[in-house]
């Protein structure tokens, strides 16, 4: 019985090895194009958006706070959330520009 199993395992030869290699290569390509590449593009777009923030933009933070940018420093921004109420946040905590969100609907 064991001899039959070994005989079947060795008859595939190079063809079985090549088909497994192609299968794994295909899986890697699918992961790259459907998971890794879109995430990298999204990160790149968000980084560009955060760098282009300017005074007067209406934005939404990651926590859901809506406000207008009052001032921009190197790595911090000050949001005016109501008349006279200003809060300071890290630039990286900005999720999206509110006007772009409204245009997308």
PDB file of N, CA and C in Angstrom:
ATOM      1  N   UNK A   1       0.813  -1.196   0.000  1.00  0.00           N
ATOM      2  CA  UNK A   1       0.000   0.000   0.000  1.00  0.00           C
ATOM      3  C   UNK A   1       0.857   1.261   0.000  1.00  0.00           C
ATOM      4  N   UNK A   2       1.903   1.264   0.843  1.00  0.00           N
ATOM      5  CA  UNK A   2       2.786   2.420   0.921  1.00  0.00           C
ATOM      6  C   UNK A   2       3.532   2.618  -0.392  1.00  0.00           C
ATOM      7  N   UNK A   3       3.868   1.536  -1.071  1.00  0.00           N
ATOM      8  CA  UNK A   3       4.571   1.648  -2.347  1.00  0.00           C
ATOM      9  C   UNK A   3       3.694   2.339  -3.384  1.00  0.00           C
ATOM     10  N   UNK A   4       2.399   2.092  -3.354  1.00  0.00           N
ATOM     11  CA  UNK A   4       1.478   2.736  -4.313  1.00  0.00           C
ATOM     12  C   UNK A   4       1.426   4.241  -4.047  1.00  0.00           C
ATOM     13  N   UNK A   5       1.386   4.635  -2.782  1.00  0.00           N
ATOM     14  CA  UNK A   5       1.336   6.063  -2.426  1.00  0.00           C
ATOM     15  C   UNK A   5       2.619   6.754  -2.868  1.00  0.00           C
ATOM     16  N   UNK A   6       3.772   6.134  -2.604  1.00  0.00           N
ATOM     17  CA  UNK A   6       5.032   6.729  -3.032  1.00  0.00           C
ATOM     18  C   UNK A   6       5.125   6.808  -4.549  1.00  0.00           C
ATOM     19  N   UNK A   7       4.620   5.834  -5.227  1.00  0.00           N
ATOM     20  CA  UNK A   7       4.645   5.828  -6.687  1.00  0.00           C
ATOM     21  C   UNK A   7       3.782   6.960  -7.239  1.00  0.00           C
ATOM     22  N   UNK A   8       2.617   7.187  -6.632  1.00  0.00           N
ATOM     23  CA  UNK A   8       1.747   8.266  -7.087  1.00  0.00           C
ATOM     24  C   UNK A   8       2.371   9.632  -6.792  1.00  0.00           C
ATOM     25  N   UNK A   9       3.069   9.747  -5.684  1.00  0.00           N
ATOM     26  CA  UNK A   9       3.669  11.030  -5.307  1.00  0.00           C
ATOM     27  C   UNK A   9       4.807  11.405  -6.241  1.00  0.00           C
ATOM     28  N   UNK A  10       5.547  10.434  -6.733  1.00  0.00           N
ATOM     29  CA  UNK A  10       6.701  10.739  -7.561  1.00  0.00           C
ATOM     30  C   UNK A  10       6.346  10.868  -9.042  1.00  0.00           C
ATOM     31  N   UNK A  11       5.166  10.442  -9.455  1.00  0.00           N
ATOM     32  CA  UNK A  11       4.848  10.515 -10.881  1.00  0.00           C
ATOM     33  C   UNK A  11       4.542  11.938 -11.334  1.00  0.00           C
ATOM     34  N   UNK A  12       4.170  12.855 -10.403  1.00  0.00           N
ATOM     35  CA  UNK A  12       3.864  14.240 -10.774  1.00  0.00           C
ATOM     36  C   UNK A  12       5.085  14.955 -11.313  1.00  0.00           C
ATOM     37  N   UNK A  13       6.203  14.770 -10.671  1.00  0.00           N
ATOM     38  CA  UNK A  13       7.471  15.324 -11.113  1.00  0.00           C
ATOM     39  C   UNK A  13       7.490  16.839 -11.152  1.00  0.00           C
ATOM     40  N   UNK A  14       8.099  17.377 -12.193  1.00  0.00           N
ATOM     41  CA  UNK A  14       8.275  18.820 -12.350  1.00  0.00           C
ATOM     42  C   UNK A  14       6.955  19.536 -12.615  1.00  0.00           C
ATOM     43  N   UNK A  15       6.021  18.867 -13.237  1.00  0.00           N
ATOM     44  CA  UNK A  15       4.751  19.492 -13.576  1.00  0.00           C
ATOM     45  C   UNK A  15       3.979  19.899 -12.322  1.00  0.00           C
ATOM     46  N   UNK A  16       3.949  19.045 -11.300  1.00  0.00           N
ATOM     47  CA  UNK A  16       3.247  19.362 -10.050  1.00  0.00           C
ATOM     48  C   UNK A  16       3.932  20.513  -9.325  1.00  0.00           C
ATOM     49  N   UNK A  17       5.240  20.523  -9.315  1.00  0.00           N
ATOM     50  CA  UNK A  17       5.991  21.581  -8.656  1.00  0.00           C
ATOM     51  C   UNK A  17       5.728  22.927  -9.325  1.00  0.00           C
ATOM     52  N   UNK A  18       5.691  22.920 -10.653  1.00  0.00           N
ATOM     53  CA  UNK A  18       5.469  24.160 -11.404  1.00  0.00           C
ATOM     54  C   UNK A  18       4.047  24.681 -11.193  1.00  0.00           C
ATOM     55  N   UNK A  19       3.070  23.787 -11.152  1.00  0.00           N
ATOM     56  CA  UNK A  19       1.691  24.229 -10.951  1.00  0.00           C
ATOM     57  C   UNK A  19       1.499  24.808  -9.542  1.00  0.00           C
ATOM     58  N   UNK A  20       2.164  24.258  -8.539  1.00  0.00           N
ATOM     59  CA  UNK A  20       2.091  24.812  -7.185  1.00  0.00           C
ATOM     60  C   UNK A  20       2.737  26.186  -7.134  1.00  0.00           C
ATOM     61  N   UNK A  21       3.843  26.333  -7.818  1.00  0.00           N
ATOM     62  CA  UNK A  21       4.524  27.628  -7.867  1.00  0.00           C
ATOM     63  C   UNK A  21       3.635  28.682  -8.522  1.00  0.00           C
ATOM     64  N   UNK A  22       2.971  28.326  -9.612  1.00  0.00           N
ATOM     65  CA  UNK A  22       2.059  29.253 -10.280  1.00  0.00           C
ATOM     66  C   UNK A  22       0.857  29.590  -9.397  1.00  0.00           C
ATOM     67  N   UNK A  23       0.350  28.617  -8.679  1.00  0.00           N
ATOM     68  CA  UNK A  23      -0.779  28.846  -7.781  1.00  0.00           C
ATOM     69  C   UNK A  23      -0.403  29.839  -6.683  1.00  0.00           C
ATOM     70  N   UNK A  24       0.732  29.623  -6.021  1.00  0.00           N
ATOM     71  CA  UNK A  24       1.161  30.534  -4.965  1.00  0.00           C
ATOM     72  C   UNK A  24       1.495  31.915  -5.517  1.00  0.00           C
ATOM     73  N   UNK A  25       2.087  31.971  -6.695  1.00  0.00           N
ATOM     74  CA  UNK A  25       2.364  33.260  -7.336  1.00  0.00           C
ATOM     75  C   UNK A  25       1.081  34.016  -7.631  1.00  0.00           C
ATOM     76  N   UNK A  26       0.070  33.309  -8.095  1.00  0.00           N
ATOM     77  CA  UNK A  26      -1.225  33.932  -8.363  1.00  0.00           C
ATOM     78  C   UNK A  26      -1.881  34.462  -7.104  1.00  0.00           C
ATOM     79  N   UNK A  27      -1.777  33.700  -6.016  1.00  0.00           N
ATOM     80  CA  UNK A  27      -2.346  34.142  -4.746  1.00  0.00           C
ATOM     81  C   UNK A  27      -1.644  35.408  -4.259  1.00  0.00           C
ATOM     82  N   UNK A  28      -0.341  35.454  -4.383  1.00  0.00           N
ATOM     83  CA  UNK A  28       0.422  36.639  -3.974  1.00  0.00           C
ATOM     84  C   UNK A  28       0.014  37.851  -4.799  1.00  0.00           C
ATOM     85  N   UNK A  29      -0.150  37.682  -6.101  1.00  0.00           N
ATOM     86  CA  UNK A  29      -0.579  38.791  -6.959  1.00  0.00           C
ATOM     87  C   UNK A  29      -1.972  39.286  -6.579  1.00  0.00           C
ATOM     88  N   UNK A  30      -2.864  38.367  -6.297  1.00  0.00           N
ATOM     89  CA  UNK A  30      -4.223  38.758  -5.897  1.00  0.00           C
ATOM     90  C   UNK A  30      -4.185  39.560  -4.604  1.00  0.00           C
ATOM     91  N   UNK A  31      -3.421  39.114  -3.603  1.00  0.00           N
ATOM     92  CA  UNK A  31      -3.292  39.860  -2.359  1.00  0.00           C
ATOM     93  C   UNK A  31      -2.722  41.247  -2.614  1.00  0.00           C
ATOM     94  N   UNK A  32      -1.715  41.348  -3.483  1.00  0.00           N
ATOM     95  CA  UNK A  32      -1.098  42.641  -3.746  1.00  0.00           C
ATOM     96  C   UNK A  32      -2.093  43.603  -4.384  1.00  0.00           C
ATOM     97  N   UNK A  33      -2.778  43.172  -5.435  1.00  0.00           N
ATOM     98  CA  UNK A  33      -3.646  44.085  -6.171  1.00  0.00           C
ATOM     99  C   UNK A  33      -4.964  44.380  -5.465  1.00  0.00           C
ATOM    100  N   UNK A  34      -5.445  43.502  -4.608  1.00  0.00           N
ATOM    101  CA  UNK A  34      -6.721  43.741  -3.951  1.00  0.00           C
ATOM    102  C   UNK A  34      -6.603  44.206  -2.503  1.00  0.00           C
ATOM    103  N   UNK A  35      -5.437  44.067  -1.882  1.00  0.00           N
ATOM    104  CA  UNK A  35      -5.316  44.451  -0.478  1.00  0.00           C
ATOM    105  C   UNK A  35      -4.179  45.431  -0.226  1.00  0.00           C
ATOM    106  N   UNK A  36      -2.991  45.130  -0.662  1.00  0.00           N
ATOM    107  CA  UNK A  36      -1.830  45.941  -0.313  1.00  0.00           C
ATOM    108  C   UNK A  36      -1.795  47.242  -1.112  1.00  0.00           C
ATOM    109  N   UNK A  37      -1.948  47.166  -2.416  1.00  0.00           N
ATOM    110  CA  UNK A  37      -1.848  48.351  -3.264  1.00  0.00           C
ATOM    111  C   UNK A  37      -2.920  49.395  -2.950  1.00  0.00           C
ATOM    112  N   UNK A  38      -4.204  49.028  -2.792  1.00  0.00           N
ATOM    113  CA  UNK A  38      -5.195  50.058  -2.449  1.00  0.00           C
ATOM    114  C   UNK A  38      -4.927  50.716  -1.093  1.00  0.00           C
ATOM    115  N   UNK A  39      -4.428  49.951  -0.128  1.00  0.00           N
ATOM    116  CA  UNK A  39      -4.130  50.524   1.186  1.00  0.00           C
ATOM    117  C   UNK A  39      -2.978  51.520   1.088  1.00  0.00           C
ATOM    118  N   UNK A  40      -1.953  51.198   0.295  1.00  0.00           N
ATOM    119  CA  UNK A  40      -0.842  52.120   0.117  1.00  0.00           C
ATOM    120  C   UNK A  40      -1.303  53.406  -0.561  1.00  0.00           C
ATOM    121  N   UNK A  41      -2.184  53.282  -1.549  1.00  0.00           N
ATOM    122  CA  UNK A  41      -2.707  54.454  -2.244  1.00  0.00           C
ATOM    123  C   UNK A  41      -3.526  55.318  -1.292  1.00  0.00           C
ATOM    124  N   UNK A  42      -4.329  54.690  -0.451  1.00  0.00           N
ATOM    125  CA  UNK A  42      -5.151  55.426   0.512  1.00  0.00           C
ATOM    126  C   UNK A  42      -4.258  56.175   1.507  1.00  0.00           C
ATOM    127  N   UNK A  43      -3.200  55.537   1.990  1.00  0.00           N
ATOM    128  CA  UNK A  43      -2.279  56.187   2.921  1.00  0.00           C
ATOM    129  C   UNK A  43      -1.580  57.368   2.259  1.00  0.00           C
ATOM    130  N   UNK A  44      -1.180  57.200   1.005  1.00  0.00           N
ATOM    131  CA  UNK A  44      -0.506  58.265   0.282  1.00  0.00           C
ATOM    132  C   UNK A  44      -1.436  59.457   0.074  1.00  0.00           C
ATOM    133  N   UNK A  45      -2.697  59.197  -0.287  1.00  0.00           N
ATOM    134  CA  UNK A  45      -3.671  60.272  -0.473  1.00  0.00           C
ATOM    135  C   UNK A  45      -3.949  61.007   0.837  1.00  0.00           C
ATOM    136  N   UNK A  46      -4.058  60.267   1.955  1.00  0.00           N
ATOM    137  CA  UNK A  46      -4.311  60.894   3.247  1.00  0.00           C
ATOM    138  C   UNK A  46      -3.127  61.759   3.678  1.00  0.00           C
ATOM    139  N   UNK A  47      -1.904  61.273   3.432  1.00  0.00           N
ATOM    140  CA  UNK A  47      -0.719  62.048   3.780  1.00  0.00           C
ATOM    141  C   UNK A  47      -0.672  63.356   2.989  1.00  0.00           C
ATOM    142  N   UNK A  48      -0.997  63.287   1.712  1.00  0.00           N
ATOM    143  CA  UNK A  48      -1.024  64.487   0.868  1.00  0.00           C
ATOM    144  C   UNK A  48      -2.110  65.445   1.356  1.00  0.00           C
ATOM    145  N   UNK A  49      -3.280  64.912   1.718  1.00  0.00           N
ATOM    146  CA  UNK A  49      -4.371  65.739   2.221  1.00  0.00           C
ATOM    147  C   UNK A  49      -3.964  66.475   3.495  1.00  0.00           C
ATOM    148  N   UNK A  50      -3.314  65.773   4.421  1.00  0.00           N
ATOM    149  CA  UNK A  50      -2.904  66.383   5.688  1.00  0.00           C
ATOM    150  C   UNK A  50      -1.864  67.470   5.442  1.00  0.00           C
ATOM    151  N   UNK A  51      -0.969  67.266   4.482  1.00  0.00           N
ATOM    152  CA  UNK A  51       0.044  68.277   4.169  1.00  0.00           C
ATOM    153  C   UNK A  51      -0.567  69.512   3.526  1.00  0.00           C
ATOM    154  N   UNK A  52      -1.675  69.359   2.802  1.00  0.00           N
ATOM    155  CA  UNK A  52      -2.288  70.466   2.080  1.00  0.00           C
ATOM    156  C   UNK A  52      -3.357  71.214   2.880  1.00  0.00           C
ATOM    157  N   UNK A  53      -3.535  70.860   4.148  1.00  0.00           N
ATOM    158  CA  UNK A  53      -4.542  71.531   4.971  1.00  0.00           C
ATOM    159  C   UNK A  53      -4.146  72.997   5.145  1.00  0.00           C
ATOM    160  N   UNK A  54      -5.140  73.884   5.055  1.00  0.00           N
ATOM    161  CA  UNK A  54      -4.870  75.311   5.222  1.00  0.00           C
ATOM    162  C   UNK A  54      -5.942  75.939   6.101  1.00  0.00           C
ATOM    163  N   UNK A  55      -5.674  77.134   6.560  1.00  0.00           N
ATOM    164  CA  UNK A  55      -6.592  77.864   7.431  1.00  0.00           C
ATOM    165  C   UNK A  55      -7.908  78.104   6.695  1.00  0.00           C
ATOM    166  N   UNK A  56      -9.017  77.873   7.402  1.00  0.00           N
ATOM    167  CA  UNK A  56     -10.342  78.117   6.832  1.00  0.00           C
ATOM    168  C   UNK A  56     -11.030  76.874   6.296  1.00  0.00           C
ATOM    169  N   UNK A  57     -10.320  75.760   6.177  1.00  0.00           N
ATOM    170  CA  UNK A  57     -10.942  74.509   5.707  1.00  0.00           C
ATOM    171  C   UNK A  57     -11.862  73.943   6.782  1.00  0.00           C
ATOM    172  N   UNK A  58     -12.992  73.426   6.384  1.00  0.00           N
ATOM    173  CA  UNK A  58     -13.879  72.706   7.295  1.00  0.00           C
ATOM    174  C   UNK A  58     -13.481  71.238   7.251  1.00  0.00           C
ATOM    175  N   UNK A  59     -13.169  70.683   8.422  1.00  0.00           N
ATOM    176  CA  UNK A  59     -12.670  69.314   8.485  1.00  0.00           C
ATOM    177  C   UNK A  59     -13.414  68.511   9.544  1.00  0.00           C
ATOM    178  N   UNK A  60     -13.197  67.201   9.496  1.00  0.00           N
ATOM    179  CA  UNK A  60     -13.729  66.272  10.487  1.00  0.00           C
ATOM    180  C   UNK A  60     -12.550  65.488  11.050  1.00  0.00           C
ATOM    181  N   UNK A  61     -12.484  65.377  12.366  1.00  0.00           N
ATOM    182  CA  UNK A  61     -11.400  64.614  12.976  1.00  0.00           C
ATOM    183  C   UNK A  61     -11.757  63.126  12.974  1.00  0.00           C
ATOM    184  N   UNK A  62     -10.795  62.311  13.333  1.00  0.00           N
ATOM    185  CA  UNK A  62     -11.011  60.874  13.411  1.00  0.00           C
ATOM    186  C   UNK A  62     -12.089  60.555  14.444  1.00  0.00           C
ATOM    187  N   UNK A  63     -12.164  61.355  15.495  1.00  0.00           N
ATOM    188  CA  UNK A  63     -13.161  61.160  16.536  1.00  0.00           C
ATOM    189  C   UNK A  63     -14.543  61.664  16.166  1.00  0.00           C
ATOM    190  N   UNK A  64     -14.669  62.320  15.014  1.00  0.00           N
ATOM    191  CA  UNK A  64     -15.976  62.785  14.554  1.00  0.00           C
ATOM    192  C   UNK A  64     -16.273  64.238  14.876  1.00  0.00           C
ATOM    193  N   UNK A  65     -15.301  64.990  15.351  1.00  0.00           N
ATOM    194  CA  UNK A  65     -15.493  66.387  15.687  1.00  0.00           C
ATOM    195  C   UNK A  65     -15.407  67.239  14.423  1.00  0.00           C
ATOM    196  N   UNK A  66     -16.424  68.049  14.161  1.00  0.00           N
ATOM    197  CA  UNK A  66     -16.458  68.928  12.998  1.00  0.00           C
ATOM    198  C   UNK A  66     -15.983  70.310  13.419  1.00  0.00           C
ATOM    199  N   UNK A  67     -15.192  70.944  12.576  1.00  0.00           N
ATOM    200  CA  UNK A  67     -14.731  72.286  12.900  1.00  0.00           C
ATOM    201  C   UNK A  67     -14.045  72.944  11.724  1.00  0.00           C
ATOM    202  N   UNK A  68     -13.725  74.214  11.929  1.00  0.00           N
ATOM    203  CA  UNK A  68     -13.041  75.012  10.909  1.00  0.00           C
ATOM    204  C   UNK A  68     -11.621  75.248  11.399  1.00  0.00           C
ATOM    205  N   UNK A  69     -10.650  75.100  10.519  1.00  0.00           N
ATOM    206  CA  UNK A  69      -9.254  75.256  10.911  1.00  0.00           C
ATOM    207  C   UNK A  69      -8.978  76.731  11.188  1.00  0.00           C
ATOM    208  N   UNK A  70      -8.517  76.993  12.406  1.00  0.00           N
ATOM    209  CA  UNK A  70      -8.212  78.351  12.836  1.00  0.00           C
ATOM    210  C   UNK A  70      -6.745  78.683  12.579  1.00  0.00           C
ATOM    211  N   UNK A  71      -5.848  77.721  12.869  1.00  0.00           N
ATOM    212  CA  UNK A  71      -4.427  77.921  12.602  1.00  0.00           C
ATOM    213  C   UNK A  71      -3.761  76.575  12.348  1.00  0.00           C
ATOM    214  N   UNK A  72      -2.643  76.632  11.618  1.00  0.00           N
ATOM    215  CA  UNK A  72      -1.883  75.424  11.280  1.00  0.00           C
ATOM    216  C   UNK A  72      -0.436  75.631  11.696  1.00  0.00           C
ATOM    217  N   UNK A  73       0.093  74.721  12.524  1.00  0.00           N
ATOM    218  CA  UNK A  73       1.503  74.721  12.894  1.00  0.00           C
ATOM    219  C   UNK A  73       2.182  73.564  12.177  1.00  0.00           C
ATOM    220  N   UNK A  74       3.405  73.238  12.581  1.00  0.00           N
ATOM    221  CA  UNK A  74       4.144  72.157  11.933  1.00  0.00           C
ATOM    222  C   UNK A  74       3.391  70.833  11.997  1.00  0.00           C
ATOM    223  N   UNK A  75       3.073  70.391  13.209  1.00  0.00           N
ATOM    224  CA  UNK A  75       2.410  69.103  13.358  1.00  0.00           C
ATOM    225  C   UNK A  75       1.092  69.200  14.126  1.00  0.00           C
ATOM    226  N   UNK A  76       0.656  70.424  14.410  1.00  0.00           N
ATOM    227  CA  UNK A  76      -0.598  70.626  15.139  1.00  0.00           C
ATOM    228  C   UNK A  76      -1.487  71.618  14.402  1.00  0.00           C
ATOM    229  N   UNK A  77      -2.780  71.461  14.622  1.00  0.00           N
ATOM    230  CA  UNK A  77      -3.750  72.408  14.081  1.00  0.00           C
ATOM    231  C   UNK A  77      -4.683  72.824  15.202  1.00  0.00           C
ATOM    232  N   UNK A  78      -5.255  74.005  15.047  1.00  0.00           N
ATOM    233  CA  UNK A  78      -6.247  74.489  16.001  1.00  0.00           C
ATOM    234  C   UNK A  78      -7.568  74.591  15.265  1.00  0.00           C
ATOM    235  N   UNK A  79      -8.575  73.905  15.791  1.00  0.00           N
ATOM    236  CA  UNK A  79      -9.910  73.928  15.202  1.00  0.00           C
ATOM    237  C   UNK A  79     -10.805  74.861  15.999  1.00  0.00           C
ATOM    238  N   UNK A  80     -11.613  75.611  15.277  1.00  0.00           N
ATOM    239  CA  UNK A  80     -12.647  76.404  15.922  1.00  0.00           C
ATOM    240  C   UNK A  80     -13.937  75.613  15.759  1.00  0.00           C
ATOM    241  N   UNK A  81     -14.437  75.074  16.866  1.00  0.00           N
ATOM    242  CA  UNK A  81     -15.610  74.209  16.798  1.00  0.00           C
ATOM    243  C   UNK A  81     -16.903  74.975  17.027  1.00  0.00           C
ATOM    244  N   UNK A  82     -16.822  76.103  17.698  1.00  0.00           N
ATOM    245  CA  UNK A  82     -17.968  76.970  17.926  1.00  0.00           C
ATOM    246  C   UNK A  82     -17.418  78.386  18.079  1.00  0.00           C
ATOM    247  N   UNK A  83     -18.257  79.354  18.184  1.00  0.00           N
ATOM    248  CA  UNK A  83     -17.794  80.742  18.302  1.00  0.00           C
ATOM    249  C   UNK A  83     -16.936  80.902  19.542  1.00  0.00           C
ATOM    250  N   UNK A  84     -15.646  81.092  19.338  1.00  0.00           N
ATOM    251  CA  UNK A  84     -14.719  81.308  20.430  1.00  0.00           C
ATOM    252  C   UNK A  84     -14.145  80.053  21.052  1.00  0.00           C
ATOM    253  N   UNK A  85     -14.622  78.877  20.701  1.00  0.00           N
ATOM    254  CA  UNK A  85     -14.099  77.634  21.272  1.00  0.00           C
ATOM    255  C   UNK A  85     -13.096  77.026  20.294  1.00  0.00           C
ATOM    256  N   UNK A  86     -11.848  76.948  20.752  1.00  0.00           N
ATOM    257  CA  UNK A  86     -10.774  76.437  19.904  1.00  0.00           C
ATOM    258  C   UNK A  86     -10.130  75.238  20.577  1.00  0.00           C
ATOM    259  N   UNK A  87      -9.898  74.199  19.795  1.00  0.00           N
ATOM    260  CA  UNK A  87      -9.261  72.978  20.286  1.00  0.00           C
ATOM    261  C   UNK A  87      -8.038  72.674  19.433  1.00  0.00           C
ATOM    262  N   UNK A  88      -6.989  72.169  20.074  1.00  0.00           N
ATOM    263  CA  UNK A  88      -5.756  71.837  19.357  1.00  0.00           C
ATOM    264  C   UNK A  88      -5.668  70.330  19.160  1.00  0.00           C
ATOM    265  N   UNK A  89      -5.308  69.916  17.935  1.00  0.00           N
ATOM    266  CA  UNK A  89      -5.195  68.503  17.564  1.00  0.00           C
ATOM    267  C   UNK A  89      -3.907  68.280  16.798  1.00  0.00           C
ATOM    268  N   UNK A  90      -3.487  67.033  16.768  1.00  0.00           N
ATOM    269  CA  UNK A  90      -2.393  66.638  15.886  1.00  0.00           C
ATOM    270  C   UNK A  90      -2.916  66.650  14.444  1.00  0.00           C
ATOM    271  N   UNK A  91      -2.051  66.955  13.499  1.00  0.00           N
ATOM    272  CA  UNK A  91      -2.477  66.952  12.094  1.00  0.00           C
ATOM    273  C   UNK A  91      -2.952  65.577  11.647  1.00  0.00           C
ATOM    274  N   UNK A  92      -2.343  64.554  12.185  1.00  0.00           N
ATOM    275  CA  UNK A  92      -2.691  63.200  11.771  1.00  0.00           C
ATOM    276  C   UNK A  92      -4.084  62.788  12.224  1.00  0.00           C
ATOM    277  N   UNK A  93      -4.698  63.552  13.123  1.00  0.00           N
ATOM    278  CA  UNK A  93      -6.033  63.198  13.601  1.00  0.00           C
ATOM    279  C   UNK A  93      -7.146  63.713  12.694  1.00  0.00           C
ATOM    280  N   UNK A  94      -6.786  64.417  11.632  1.00  0.00           N
ATOM    281  CA  UNK A  94      -7.796  64.907  10.685  1.00  0.00           C
ATOM    282  C   UNK A  94      -8.162  63.766   9.751  1.00  0.00           C
ATOM    283  N   UNK A  95      -9.462  63.505   9.648  1.00  0.00           N
ATOM    284  CA  UNK A  95      -9.942  62.388   8.839  1.00  0.00           C
ATOM    285  C   UNK A  95     -10.203  62.811   7.406  1.00  0.00           C
ATOM    286  N   UNK A  96     -11.010  63.849   7.234  1.00  0.00           N
ATOM    287  CA  UNK A  96     -11.332  64.292   5.880  1.00  0.00           C
ATOM    288  C   UNK A  96     -11.834  65.717   5.896  1.00  0.00           C
ATOM    289  N   UNK A  97     -11.823  66.318   4.717  1.00  0.00           N
ATOM    290  CA  UNK A  97     -12.331  67.672   4.582  1.00  0.00           C
ATOM    291  C   UNK A  97     -13.838  67.595   4.421  1.00  0.00           C
ATOM    292  N   UNK A  98     -14.556  68.389   5.179  1.00  0.00           N
ATOM    293  CA  UNK A  98     -16.014  68.318   5.207  1.00  0.00           C
ATOM    294  C   UNK A  98     -16.614  68.691   3.864  1.00  0.00           C
ATOM    295  N   UNK A  99     -16.064  69.662   3.158  1.00  0.00           N
ATOM    296  CA  UNK A  99     -16.624  70.049   1.868  1.00  0.00           C
ATOM    297  C   UNK A  99     -16.472  68.941   0.842  1.00  0.00           C
ATOM    298  N   UNK A 100     -15.384  68.173   0.901  1.00  0.00           N
ATOM    299  CA  UNK A 100     -15.212  67.042  -0.018  1.00  0.00           C
ATOM    300  C   UNK A 100     -16.196  65.930   0.317  1.00  0.00           C
ATOM    301  N   UNK A 101     -16.481  65.757   1.600  1.00  0.00           N
ATOM    302  CA  UNK A 101     -17.448  64.741   2.015  1.00  0.00           C
ATOM    303  C   UNK A 101     -18.828  65.079   1.471  1.00  0.00           C
ATOM    304  N   UNK A 102     -19.199  66.349   1.532  1.00  0.00           N
ATOM    305  CA  UNK A 102     -20.509  66.768   1.043  1.00  0.00           C
ATOM    306  C   UNK A 102     -20.607  66.647  -0.478  1.00  0.00           C
ATOM    307  N   UNK A 103     -19.495  66.888  -1.194  1.00  0.00           N
ATOM    308  CA  UNK A 103     -19.499  66.755  -2.650  1.00  0.00           C
ATOM    309  C   UNK A 103     -19.675  65.305  -3.073  1.00  0.00           C
ATOM    310  N   UNK A 104     -19.181  64.367  -2.271  1.00  0.00           N
ATOM    311  CA  UNK A 104     -19.248  62.946  -2.606  1.00  0.00           C
ATOM    312  C   UNK A 104     -20.650  62.377  -2.501  1.00  0.00           C
ATOM    313  N   UNK A 105     -21.563  63.031  -1.785  1.00  0.00           N
ATOM    314  CA  UNK A 105     -22.930  62.517  -1.608  1.00  0.00           C
ATOM    315  C   UNK A 105     -23.801  62.812  -2.773  1.00  0.00           C
TER     316      UNK A 105
END
